Amino acid sequence: QVQLVESGGGAVQAGGSLRLSCVFSGNTFSLATIGWYRQAPGKQRELVASITRGGSANYADSVKGRFTISIDNAKNIVYLQTNSLKPEDTAVYYCNSRIYWGRGTQVTVSS
């Protein structure tokens, strides 16, 4: 079993920043890649960024240059630094690895 717990969401104005955290625990040795997804109301869940335990990262085109994903293997935390936030970034952000999902953290960006 693996547990993923997100935190760090909130309400910000456009142009602002938030740092999201995902703490993972349990059988973490089985986790090769950890990703951040988001789901806006009425839309499908989409991949925002992912990172391997070795630190290799990938990003959705919509967030390249604005978001940065990083991992601290010693603390079992994956971070998502979100900068230059836009209203269209408003969504619930979820942490995922394999079949495991966290409960999400809400990010709301006002114009």
PDB file of N, CA and C in Angstrom:
ATOM      1  N   GLN A   1       0.838  -1.204   0.000  1.00  0.00           N
ATOM      2  CA  GLN A   1       0.000   0.000   0.000  1.00  0.00           C
ATOM      3  C   GLN A   1       0.864   1.241   0.000  1.00  0.00           C
ATOM      4  N   VAL A   2       0.326   2.260  -0.636  1.00  0.00           N
ATOM      5  CA  VAL A   2       1.009   3.561  -0.708  1.00  0.00           C
ATOM      6  C   VAL A   2      -0.003   4.641  -0.355  1.00  0.00           C
ATOM      7  N   GLN A   3       0.430   5.609   0.399  1.00  0.00           N
ATOM      8  CA  GLN A   3      -0.410   6.757   0.734  1.00  0.00           C
ATOM      9  C   GLN A   3       0.222   8.020   0.165  1.00  0.00           C
ATOM     10  N   LEU A   4      -0.616   8.865  -0.407  1.00  0.00           N
ATOM     11  CA  LEU A   4      -0.185  10.135  -0.978  1.00  0.00           C
ATOM     12  C   LEU A   4      -1.043  11.230  -0.355  1.00  0.00           C
ATOM     13  N   VAL A   5      -0.404  12.242   0.195  1.00  0.00           N
ATOM     14  CA  VAL A   5      -1.131  13.325   0.840  1.00  0.00           C
ATOM     15  C   VAL A   5      -0.632  14.664   0.296  1.00  0.00           C
ATOM     16  N   GLU A   6      -1.561  15.399  -0.329  1.00  0.00           N
ATOM     17  CA  GLU A   6      -1.219  16.700  -0.900  1.00  0.00           C
ATOM     18  C   GLU A   6      -1.511  17.835   0.083  1.00  0.00           C
ATOM     19  N   SER A   7      -0.780  18.907  -0.079  1.00  0.00           N
ATOM     20  CA  SER A   7      -1.041  20.127   0.688  1.00  0.00           C
ATOM     21  C   SER A   7      -0.478  21.309  -0.085  1.00  0.00           C
ATOM     22  N   GLY A   8      -0.811  22.504   0.379  1.00  0.00           N
ATOM     23  CA  GLY A   8      -0.234  23.703  -0.200  1.00  0.00           C
ATOM     24  C   GLY A   8      -1.133  24.499  -1.113  1.00  0.00           C
ATOM     25  N   GLY A   9      -2.318  23.977  -1.381  1.00  0.00           N
ATOM     26  CA  GLY A   9      -3.237  24.721  -2.238  1.00  0.00           C
ATOM     27  C   GLY A   9      -3.761  25.965  -1.545  1.00  0.00           C
ATOM     28  N   GLY A  10      -4.470  26.777  -2.304  1.00  0.00           N
ATOM     29  CA  GLY A  10      -5.041  27.987  -1.741  1.00  0.00           C
ATOM     30  C   GLY A  10      -5.610  28.866  -2.819  1.00  0.00           C
ATOM     31  N   ALA A  11      -5.962  30.091  -2.426  1.00  0.00           N
ATOM     32  CA  ALA A  11      -6.513  31.065  -3.348  1.00  0.00           C
ATOM     33  C   ALA A  11      -5.504  32.187  -3.548  1.00  0.00           C
ATOM     34  N   VAL A  12      -5.178  32.469  -4.807  1.00  0.00           N
ATOM     35  CA  VAL A  12      -4.220  33.520  -5.130  1.00  0.00           C
ATOM     36  C   VAL A  12      -4.741  34.332  -6.307  1.00  0.00           C
ATOM     37  N   GLN A  13      -4.151  35.492  -6.492  1.00  0.00           N
ATOM     38  CA  GLN A  13      -4.483  36.289  -7.665  1.00  0.00           C
ATOM     39  C   GLN A  13      -3.605  35.876  -8.834  1.00  0.00           C
ATOM     40  N   ALA A  14      -4.060  36.185 -10.031  1.00  0.00           N
ATOM     41  CA  ALA A  14      -3.278  35.894 -11.222  1.00  0.00           C
ATOM     42  C   ALA A  14      -1.882  36.494 -11.093  1.00  0.00           C
ATOM     43  N   GLY A  15      -0.898  35.714 -11.497  1.00  0.00           N
ATOM     44  CA  GLY A  15       0.488  36.128 -11.361  1.00  0.00           C
ATOM     45  C   GLY A  15       1.147  35.638 -10.090  1.00  0.00           C
ATOM     46  N   GLY A  16       0.348  35.112  -9.179  1.00  0.00           N
ATOM     47  CA  GLY A  16       0.876  34.637  -7.913  1.00  0.00           C
ATOM     48  C   GLY A  16       1.506  33.255  -8.010  1.00  0.00           C
ATOM     49  N   SER A  17       1.948  32.763  -6.857  1.00  0.00           N
ATOM     50  CA  SER A  17       2.646  31.476  -6.790  1.00  0.00           C
ATOM     51  C   SER A  17       2.139  30.656  -5.617  1.00  0.00           C
ATOM     52  N   LEU A  18       2.247  29.373  -5.765  1.00  0.00           N
ATOM     53  CA  LEU A  18       1.979  28.431  -4.681  1.00  0.00           C
ATOM     54  C   LEU A  18       2.974  27.282  -4.804  1.00  0.00           C
ATOM     55  N   ARG A  19       3.321  26.698  -3.674  1.00  0.00           N
ATOM     56  CA  ARG A  19       4.127  25.485  -3.706  1.00  0.00           C
ATOM     57  C   ARG A  19       3.295  24.344  -3.139  1.00  0.00           C
ATOM     58  N   LEU A  20       3.002  23.391  -3.977  1.00  0.00           N
ATOM     59  CA  LEU A  20       2.245  22.209  -3.571  1.00  0.00           C
ATOM     60  C   LEU A  20       3.221  21.119  -3.143  1.00  0.00           C
ATOM     61  N   SER A  21       2.800  20.364  -2.131  1.00  0.00           N
ATOM     62  CA  SER A  21       3.617  19.260  -1.631  1.00  0.00           C
ATOM     63  C   SER A  21       2.823  17.971  -1.669  1.00  0.00           C
ATOM     64  N   CYS A  22       3.501  16.891  -1.969  1.00  0.00           N
ATOM     65  CA  CYS A  22       2.901  15.552  -1.941  1.00  0.00           C
ATOM     66  C   CYS A  22       3.818  14.668  -1.116  1.00  0.00           C
ATOM     67  N   VAL A  23       3.344  14.274   0.046  1.00  0.00           N
ATOM     68  CA  VAL A  23       4.098  13.354   0.900  1.00  0.00           C
ATOM     69  C   VAL A  23       3.651  11.940   0.584  1.00  0.00           C
ATOM     70  N   PHE A  24       4.593  11.073   0.250  1.00  0.00           N
ATOM     71  CA  PHE A  24       4.240   9.692  -0.054  1.00  0.00           C
ATOM     72  C   PHE A  24       4.852   8.763   0.991  1.00  0.00           C
ATOM     73  N   SER A  25       4.090   7.722   1.337  1.00  0.00           N
ATOM     74  CA  SER A  25       4.523   6.800   2.380  1.00  0.00           C
ATOM     75  C   SER A  25       4.003   5.407   2.071  1.00  0.00           C
ATOM     76  N   GLY A  26       4.503   4.431   2.821  1.00  0.00           N
ATOM     77  CA  GLY A  26       4.122   3.043   2.591  1.00  0.00           C
ATOM     78  C   GLY A  26       5.202   2.333   1.798  1.00  0.00           C
ATOM     79  N   ASN A  27       4.781   1.518   0.842  1.00  0.00           N
ATOM     80  CA  ASN A  27       5.722   0.762   0.016  1.00  0.00           C
ATOM     81  C   ASN A  27       6.304   1.653  -1.079  1.00  0.00           C
ATOM     82  N   THR A  28       7.046   2.652  -0.656  1.00  0.00           N
ATOM     83  CA  THR A  28       7.531   3.658  -1.607  1.00  0.00           C
ATOM     84  C   THR A  28       8.600   3.128  -2.540  1.00  0.00           C
ATOM     85  N   PHE A  29       9.210   1.995  -2.202  1.00  0.00           N
ATOM     86  CA  PHE A  29      10.250   1.441  -3.067  1.00  0.00           C
ATOM     87  C   PHE A  29       9.673   1.068  -4.430  1.00  0.00           C
ATOM     88  N   SER A  30       8.348   0.857  -4.487  1.00  0.00           N
ATOM     89  CA  SER A  30       7.703   0.437  -5.734  1.00  0.00           C
ATOM     90  C   SER A  30       7.354   1.611  -6.650  1.00  0.00           C
ATOM     91  N   LEU A  31       7.584   2.822  -6.172  1.00  0.00           N
ATOM     92  CA  LEU A  31       7.180   4.006  -6.929  1.00  0.00           C
ATOM     93  C   LEU A  31       8.335   4.504  -7.780  1.00  0.00           C
ATOM     94  N   ALA A  32       8.225   4.365  -9.089  1.00  0.00           N
ATOM     95  CA  ALA A  32       9.286   4.818  -9.985  1.00  0.00           C
ATOM     96  C   ALA A  32       9.056   6.251 -10.460  1.00  0.00           C
ATOM     97  N   THR A  33       7.805   6.602 -10.650  1.00  0.00           N
ATOM     98  CA  THR A  33       7.449   7.927 -11.152  1.00  0.00           C
ATOM     99  C   THR A  33       6.269   8.460 -10.344  1.00  0.00           C
ATOM    100  N   ILE A  34       6.325   9.734 -10.020  1.00  0.00           N
ATOM    101  CA  ILE A  34       5.237  10.386  -9.296  1.00  0.00           C
ATOM    102  C   ILE A  34       4.796  11.594 -10.106  1.00  0.00           C
ATOM    103  N   GLY A  35       3.498  11.759 -10.220  1.00  0.00           N
ATOM    104  CA  GLY A  35       2.981  12.838 -11.047  1.00  0.00           C
ATOM    105  C   GLY A  35       1.981  13.712 -10.330  1.00  0.00           C
ATOM    106  N   TRP A  36       1.847  14.924 -10.830  1.00  0.00           N
ATOM    107  CA  TRP A  36       0.799  15.843 -10.417  1.00  0.00           C
ATOM    108  C   TRP A  36      -0.218  15.945 -11.545  1.00  0.00           C
ATOM    109  N   TYR A  37      -1.477  15.747 -11.212  1.00  0.00           N
ATOM    110  CA  TYR A  37      -2.585  15.901 -12.142  1.00  0.00           C
ATOM    111  C   TYR A  37      -3.480  17.022 -11.618  1.00  0.00           C
ATOM    112  N   ARG A  38      -4.335  17.508 -12.483  1.00  0.00           N
ATOM    113  CA  ARG A  38      -5.338  18.476 -12.038  1.00  0.00           C
ATOM    114  C   ARG A  38      -6.643  18.233 -12.763  1.00  0.00           C
ATOM    115  N   GLN A  39      -7.720  18.623 -12.086  1.00  0.00           N
ATOM    116  CA  GLN A  39      -9.048  18.489 -12.678  1.00  0.00           C
ATOM    117  C   GLN A  39      -9.847  19.734 -12.355  1.00  0.00           C
ATOM    118  N   ALA A  40     -10.231  20.435 -13.404  1.00  0.00           N
ATOM    119  CA  ALA A  40     -11.079  21.613 -13.267  1.00  0.00           C
ATOM    120  C   ALA A  40     -12.539  21.182 -13.394  1.00  0.00           C
ATOM    121  N   PRO A  41     -13.466  21.969 -12.864  1.00  0.00           N
ATOM    122  CA  PRO A  41     -14.882  21.610 -12.944  1.00  0.00           C
ATOM    123  C   PRO A  41     -15.319  21.385 -14.383  1.00  0.00           C
ATOM    124  N   GLY A  42     -15.963  20.256 -14.628  1.00  0.00           N
ATOM    125  CA  GLY A  42     -16.473  19.948 -15.952  1.00  0.00           C
ATOM    126  C   GLY A  42     -15.430  19.494 -16.951  1.00  0.00           C
ATOM    127  N   LYS A  43     -14.199  19.310 -16.497  1.00  0.00           N
ATOM    128  CA  LYS A  43     -13.132  18.899 -17.409  1.00  0.00           C
ATOM    129  C   LYS A  43     -12.520  17.579 -16.954  1.00  0.00           C
ATOM    130  N   GLN A  44     -11.817  16.935 -17.875  1.00  0.00           N
ATOM    131  CA  GLN A  44     -11.150  15.687 -17.529  1.00  0.00           C
ATOM    132  C   GLN A  44      -9.879  15.962 -16.729  1.00  0.00           C
ATOM    133  N   ARG A  45      -9.510  14.994 -15.943  1.00  0.00           N
ATOM    134  CA  ARG A  45      -8.260  15.094 -15.211  1.00  0.00           C
ATOM    135  C   ARG A  45      -7.097  15.047 -16.210  1.00  0.00           C
ATOM    136  N   GLU A  46      -6.116  15.919 -16.009  1.00  0.00           N
ATOM    137  CA  GLU A  46      -4.993  15.973 -16.932  1.00  0.00           C
ATOM    138  C   GLU A  46      -3.670  15.954 -16.185  1.00  0.00           C
ATOM    139  N   LEU A  47      -2.662  15.407 -16.841  1.00  0.00           N
ATOM    140  CA  LEU A  47      -1.320  15.379 -16.259  1.00  0.00           C
ATOM    141  C   LEU A  47      -0.695  16.765 -16.366  1.00  0.00           C
ATOM    142  N   VAL A  48      -0.172  17.240 -15.262  1.00  0.00           N
ATOM    143  CA  VAL A  48       0.503  18.537 -15.226  1.00  0.00           C
ATOM    144  C   VAL A  48       2.011  18.348 -15.335  1.00  0.00           C
ATOM    145  N   ALA A  49       2.551  17.459 -14.513  1.00  0.00           N
ATOM    146  CA  ALA A  49       3.990  17.208 -14.510  1.00  0.00           C
ATOM    147  C   ALA A  49       4.246  15.886 -13.824  1.00  0.00           C
ATOM    148  N   SER A  50       5.369  15.271 -14.180  1.00  0.00           N
ATOM    149  CA  SER A  50       5.756  14.031 -13.523  1.00  0.00           C
ATOM    150  C   SER A  50       7.262  14.023 -13.340  1.00  0.00           C
ATOM    151  N   ILE A  51       7.714  13.209 -12.401  1.00  0.00           N
ATOM    152  CA  ILE A  51       9.138  13.136 -12.118  1.00  0.00           C
ATOM    153  C   ILE A  51       9.487  11.719 -11.689  1.00  0.00           C
ATOM    154  N   THR A  52      10.646  11.238 -12.135  1.00  0.00           N
ATOM    155  CA  THR A  52      11.127   9.936 -11.710  1.00  0.00           C
ATOM    156  C   THR A  52      11.898  10.075 -10.393  1.00  0.00           C
ATOM    157  N   ARG A  53      12.126   8.976  -9.721  1.00  0.00           N
ATOM    158  CA  ARG A  53      12.890   9.007  -8.474  1.00  0.00           C
ATOM    159  C   ARG A  53      14.306   9.538  -8.734  1.00  0.00           C
ATOM    160  N   GLY A  54      14.770   9.403  -9.971  1.00  0.00           N
ATOM    161  CA  GLY A  54      16.088   9.934 -10.334  1.00  0.00           C
ATOM    162  C   GLY A  54      16.076  11.404 -10.679  1.00  0.00           C
ATOM    163  N   GLY A  55      14.883  12.002 -10.735  1.00  0.00           N
ATOM    164  CA  GLY A  55      14.794  13.437 -10.953  1.00  0.00           C
ATOM    165  C   GLY A  55      14.508  13.874 -12.383  1.00  0.00           C
ATOM    166  N   SER A  56      14.194  12.943 -13.265  1.00  0.00           N
ATOM    167  CA  SER A  56      13.862  13.305 -14.636  1.00  0.00           C
ATOM    168  C   SER A  56      12.407  13.764 -14.696  1.00  0.00           C
ATOM    169  N   ALA A  57      12.194  14.982 -15.213  1.00  0.00           N
ATOM    170  CA  ALA A  57      10.868  15.597 -15.162  1.00  0.00           C
ATOM    171  C   ALA A  57      10.266  15.791 -16.551  1.00  0.00           C
ATOM    172  N   ASN A  58       8.943  15.774 -16.586  1.00  0.00           N
ATOM    173  CA  ASN A  58       8.185  16.089 -17.798  1.00  0.00           C
ATOM    174  C   ASN A  58       7.048  17.022 -17.431  1.00  0.00           C
ATOM    175  N   TYR A  59       6.673  17.876 -18.391  1.00  0.00           N
ATOM    176  CA  TYR A  59       5.641  18.874 -18.140  1.00  0.00           C
ATOM    177  C   TYR A  59       4.629  18.928 -19.271  1.00  0.00           C
ATOM    178  N   ALA A  60       3.404  19.259 -18.924  1.00  0.00           N
ATOM    179  CA  ALA A  60       2.412  19.584 -19.935  1.00  0.00           C
ATOM    180  C   ALA A  60       2.810  20.909 -20.581  1.00  0.00           C
ATOM    181  N   ASP A  61       2.495  21.044 -21.856  1.00  0.00           N
ATOM    182  CA  ASP A  61       2.861  22.275 -22.570  1.00  0.00           C
ATOM    183  C   ASP A  61       2.275  23.514 -21.893  1.00  0.00           C
ATOM    184  N   SER A  62       1.102  23.374 -21.316  1.00  0.00           N
ATOM    185  CA  SER A  62       0.409  24.524 -20.737  1.00  0.00           C
ATOM    186  C   SER A  62       1.107  25.096 -19.506  1.00  0.00           C
ATOM    187  N   VAL A  63       2.021  24.332 -18.908  1.00  0.00           N
ATOM    188  CA  VAL A  63       2.679  24.809 -17.688  1.00  0.00           C
ATOM    189  C   VAL A  63       4.188  24.949 -17.834  1.00  0.00           C
ATOM    190  N   LYS A  64       4.718  24.578 -18.982  1.00  0.00           N
ATOM    191  CA  LYS A  64       6.170  24.678 -19.183  1.00  0.00           C
ATOM    192  C   LYS A  64       6.636  26.110 -18.985  1.00  0.00           C
ATOM    193  N   GLY A  65       7.713  26.255 -18.246  1.00  0.00           N
ATOM    194  CA  GLY A  65       8.258  27.581 -17.972  1.00  0.00           C
ATOM    195  C   GLY A  65       7.625  28.266 -16.775  1.00  0.00           C
ATOM    196  N   ARG A  66       6.525  27.730 -16.271  1.00  0.00           N
ATOM    197  CA  ARG A  66       5.849  28.338 -15.118  1.00  0.00           C
ATOM    198  C   ARG A  66       5.873  27.429 -13.891  1.00  0.00           C
ATOM    199  N   PHE A  67       5.759  26.126 -14.095  1.00  0.00           N
ATOM    200  CA  PHE A  67       5.729  25.160 -12.999  1.00  0.00           C
ATOM    201  C   PHE A  67       7.044  24.380 -12.975  1.00  0.00           C
ATOM    202  N   THR A  68       7.447  24.011 -11.766  1.00  0.00           N
ATOM    203  CA  THR A  68       8.635  23.183 -11.599  1.00  0.00           C
ATOM    204  C   THR A  68       8.340  22.065 -10.611  1.00  0.00           C
ATOM    205  N   ILE A  69       8.602  20.833 -11.031  1.00  0.00           N
ATOM    206  CA  ILE A  69       8.415  19.677 -10.167  1.00  0.00           C
ATOM    207  C   ILE A  69       9.778  19.237  -9.651  1.00  0.00           C
ATOM    208  N   SER A  70       9.814  18.827  -8.393  1.00  0.00           N
ATOM    209  CA  SER A  70      11.061  18.363  -7.800  1.00  0.00           C
ATOM    210  C   SER A  70      10.746  17.275  -6.779  1.00  0.00           C
ATOM    211  N   ILE A  71      11.761  16.511  -6.430  1.00  0.00           N
ATOM    212  CA  ILE A  71      11.560  15.406  -5.495  1.00  0.00           C
ATOM    213  C   ILE A  71      12.663  15.415  -4.450  1.00  0.00           C
ATOM    214  N   ASP A  72      12.262  15.146  -3.212  1.00  0.00           N
ATOM    215  CA  ASP A  72      13.200  14.964  -2.113  1.00  0.00           C
ATOM    216  C   ASP A  72      13.049  13.522  -1.659  1.00  0.00           C
ATOM    217  N   ASN A  73      13.917  12.652  -2.137  1.00  0.00           N
ATOM    218  CA  ASN A  73      13.789  11.230  -1.835  1.00  0.00           C
ATOM    219  C   ASN A  73      14.042  10.927  -0.362  1.00  0.00           C
ATOM    220  N   ALA A  74      14.848  11.735   0.288  1.00  0.00           N
ATOM    221  CA  ALA A  74      15.122  11.502   1.707  1.00  0.00           C
ATOM    222  C   ALA A  74      13.882  11.752   2.561  1.00  0.00           C
ATOM    223  N   LYS A  75      13.067  12.733   2.133  1.00  0.00           N
ATOM    224  CA  LYS A  75      11.864  13.077   2.906  1.00  0.00           C
ATOM    225  C   LYS A  75      10.602  12.485   2.304  1.00  0.00           C
ATOM    226  N   ASN A  76      10.715  11.831   1.146  1.00  0.00           N
ATOM    227  CA  ASN A  76       9.545  11.273   0.450  1.00  0.00           C
ATOM    228  C   ASN A  76       8.508  12.357   0.148  1.00  0.00           C
ATOM    229  N   ILE A  77       8.983  13.428  -0.454  1.00  0.00           N
ATOM    230  CA  ILE A  77       8.093  14.527  -0.823  1.00  0.00           C
ATOM    231  C   ILE A  77       8.358  14.912  -2.281  1.00  0.00           C
ATOM    232  N   VAL A  78       7.284  15.134  -3.010  1.00  0.00           N
ATOM    233  CA  VAL A  78       7.361  15.716  -4.346  1.00  0.00           C
ATOM    234  C   VAL A  78       6.729  17.100  -4.272  1.00  0.00           C
ATOM    235  N   TYR A  79       7.430  18.074  -4.801  1.00  0.00           N
ATOM    236  CA  TYR A  79       6.935  19.448  -4.797  1.00  0.00           C
ATOM    237  C   TYR A  79       6.514  19.859  -6.199  1.00  0.00           C
ATOM    238  N   LEU A  80       5.540  20.737  -6.243  1.00  0.00           N
ATOM    239  CA  LEU A  80       5.183  21.390  -7.497  1.00  0.00           C
ATOM    240  C   LEU A  80       5.160  22.889  -7.229  1.00  0.00           C
ATOM    241  N   GLN A  81       6.177  23.566  -7.696  1.00  0.00           N
ATOM    242  CA  GLN A  81       6.230  25.019  -7.578  1.00  0.00           C
ATOM    243  C   GLN A  81       5.475  25.620  -8.747  1.00  0.00           C
ATOM    244  N   THR A  82       4.438  26.366  -8.438  1.00  0.00           N
ATOM    245  CA  THR A  82       3.612  26.960  -9.485  1.00  0.00           C
ATOM    246  C   THR A  82       3.776  28.473  -9.456  1.00  0.00           C
ATOM    247  N   ASN A  83       4.272  29.035 -10.542  1.00  0.00           N
ATOM    248  CA  ASN A  83       4.501  30.471 -10.659  1.00  0.00           C
ATOM    249  C   ASN A  83       3.668  31.049 -11.801  1.00  0.00           C
ATOM    250  N   SER A  84       3.531  32.358 -11.793  1.00  0.00           N
ATOM    251  CA  SER A  84       2.775  33.045 -12.847  1.00  0.00           C
ATOM    252  C   SER A  84       1.426  32.377 -13.074  1.00  0.00           C
ATOM    253  N   LEU A  85       0.729  32.131 -12.000  1.00  0.00           N
ATOM    254  CA  LEU A  85      -0.537  31.415 -12.088  1.00  0.00           C
ATOM    255  C   LEU A  85      -1.572  32.205 -12.868  1.00  0.00           C
ATOM    256  N   LYS A  86      -2.401  31.453 -13.595  1.00  0.00           N
ATOM    257  CA  LYS A  86      -3.460  32.024 -14.418  1.00  0.00           C
ATOM    258  C   LYS A  86      -4.807  31.493 -13.940  1.00  0.00           C
ATOM    259  N   PRO A  87      -5.885  32.205 -14.217  1.00  0.00           N
ATOM    260  CA  PRO A  87      -7.212  31.686 -13.820  1.00  0.00           C
ATOM    261  C   PRO A  87      -7.483  30.282 -14.362  1.00  0.00           C
ATOM    262  N   GLU A  88      -6.954  29.968 -15.524  1.00  0.00           N
ATOM    263  CA  GLU A  88      -7.181  28.640 -16.094  1.00  0.00           C
ATOM    264  C   GLU A  88      -6.396  27.541 -15.367  1.00  0.00           C
ATOM    265  N   ASP A  89      -5.537  27.911 -14.424  1.00  0.00           N
ATOM    266  CA  ASP A  89      -4.872  26.912 -13.596  1.00  0.00           C
ATOM    267  C   ASP A  89      -5.748  26.470 -12.429  1.00  0.00           C
ATOM    268  N   THR A  90      -6.888  27.113 -12.263  1.00  0.00           N
ATOM    269  CA  THR A  90      -7.796  26.749 -11.181  1.00  0.00           C
ATOM    270  C   THR A  90      -8.269  25.315 -11.343  1.00  0.00           C
ATOM    271  N   ALA A  91      -8.068  24.515 -10.312  1.00  0.00           N
ATOM    272  CA  ALA A  91      -8.415  23.096 -10.368  1.00  0.00           C
ATOM    273  C   ALA A  91      -8.098  22.455  -9.018  1.00  0.00           C
ATOM    274  N   VAL A  92      -8.530  21.227  -8.877  1.00  0.00           N
ATOM    275  CA  VAL A  92      -8.048  20.396  -7.778  1.00  0.00           C
ATOM    276  C   VAL A  92      -6.814  19.668  -8.291  1.00  0.00           C
ATOM    277  N   TYR A  93      -5.734  19.773  -7.552  1.00  0.00           N
ATOM    278  CA  TYR A  93      -4.473  19.160  -7.950  1.00  0.00           C
ATOM    279  C   TYR A  93      -4.265  17.867  -7.149  1.00  0.00           C
ATOM    280  N   TYR A  94      -3.989  16.799  -7.888  1.00  0.00           N
ATOM    281  CA  TYR A  94      -3.838  15.480  -7.293  1.00  0.00           C
ATOM    282  C   TYR A  94      -2.425  14.940  -7.513  1.00  0.00           C
ATOM    283  N   CYS A  95      -1.961  14.197  -6.532  1.00  0.00           N
ATOM    284  CA  CYS A  95      -0.693  13.481  -6.635  1.00  0.00           C
ATOM    285  C   CYS A  95      -1.011  12.026  -6.986  1.00  0.00           C
ATOM    286  N   ASN A  96      -0.201  11.458  -7.859  1.00  0.00           N
ATOM    287  CA  ASN A  96      -0.453  10.094  -8.315  1.00  0.00           C
ATOM    288  C   ASN A  96       0.841   9.332  -8.515  1.00  0.00           C
ATOM    289  N   SER A  97       0.780   8.036  -8.199  1.00  0.00           N
ATOM    290  CA  SER A  97       1.817   7.108  -8.609  1.00  0.00           C
ATOM    291  C   SER A  97       1.196   5.730  -8.768  1.00  0.00           C
ATOM    292  N   ARG A  98       1.411   5.145  -9.909  1.00  0.00           N
ATOM    293  CA  ARG A  98       0.798   3.858 -10.266  1.00  0.00           C
ATOM    294  C   ARG A  98      -0.713   3.969 -10.068  1.00  0.00           C
ATOM    295  N   ILE A  99      -1.292   3.116  -9.241  1.00  0.00           N
ATOM    296  CA  ILE A  99      -2.742   3.133  -9.054  1.00  0.00           C
ATOM    297  C   ILE A  99      -3.174   4.001  -7.888  1.00  0.00           C
ATOM    298  N   TYR A 100      -2.223   4.637  -7.254  1.00  0.00           N
ATOM    299  CA  TYR A 100      -2.495   5.361  -6.012  1.00  0.00           C
ATOM    300  C   TYR A 100      -2.696   6.854  -6.263  1.00  0.00           C
ATOM    301  N   TRP A 101      -3.728   7.389  -5.607  1.00  0.00           N
ATOM    302  CA  TRP A 101      -4.068   8.806  -5.731  1.00  0.00           C
ATOM    303  C   TRP A 101      -4.218   9.432  -4.354  1.00  0.00           C
ATOM    304  N   GLY A 102      -3.840  10.679  -4.244  1.00  0.00           N
ATOM    305  CA  GLY A 102      -4.166  11.445  -3.055  1.00  0.00           C
ATOM    306  C   GLY A 102      -5.566  12.013  -3.172  1.00  0.00           C
ATOM    307  N   ARG A 103      -5.988  12.754  -2.154  1.00  0.00           N
ATOM    308  CA  ARG A 103      -7.340  13.321  -2.152  1.00  0.00           C
ATOM    309  C   ARG A 103      -7.404  14.682  -2.833  1.00  0.00           C
ATOM    310  N   GLY A 104      -6.261  15.265  -3.082  1.00  0.00           N
ATOM    311  CA  GLY A 104      -6.225  16.515  -3.817  1.00  0.00           C
ATOM    312  C   GLY A 104      -6.155  17.747  -2.944  1.00  0.00           C
ATOM    313  N   THR A 105      -5.704  18.829  -3.567  1.00  0.00           N
ATOM    314  CA  THR A 105      -5.656  20.132  -2.912  1.00  0.00           C
ATOM    315  C   THR A 105      -6.151  21.171  -3.911  1.00  0.00           C
ATOM    316  N   GLN A 106      -7.013  22.059  -3.441  1.00  0.00           N
ATOM    317  CA  GLN A 106      -7.661  23.025  -4.333  1.00  0.00           C
ATOM    318  C   GLN A 106      -6.748  24.220  -4.586  1.00  0.00           C
ATOM    319  N   VAL A 107      -6.619  24.587  -5.853  1.00  0.00           N
ATOM    320  CA  VAL A 107      -5.933  25.814  -6.256  1.00  0.00           C
ATOM    321  C   VAL A 107      -6.935  26.690  -6.984  1.00  0.00           C
ATOM    322  N   THR A 108      -7.101  27.903  -6.498  1.00  0.00           N
ATOM    323  CA  THR A 108      -8.034  28.847  -7.111  1.00  0.00           C
ATOM    324  C   THR A 108      -7.278  30.125  -7.452  1.00  0.00           C
ATOM    325  N   VAL A 109      -7.322  30.502  -8.725  1.00  0.00           N
ATOM    326  CA  VAL A 109      -6.620  31.691  -9.196  1.00  0.00           C
ATOM    327  C   VAL A 109      -7.646  32.680  -9.716  1.00  0.00           C
ATOM    328  N   SER A 110      -7.672  33.851  -9.127  1.00  0.00           N
ATOM    329  CA  SER A 110      -8.630  34.885  -9.532  1.00  0.00           C
ATOM    330  C   SER A 110      -7.944  35.910 -10.430  1.00  0.00           C
ATOM    331  N   SER A 111      -8.745  36.486 -11.306  1.00  0.00           N
ATOM    332  CA  SER A 111      -8.194  37.472 -12.269  1.00  0.00           C
ATOM    333  C   SER A 111      -8.230  38.879 -11.698  1.00  0.00           C
TER     334      SER A 111
END
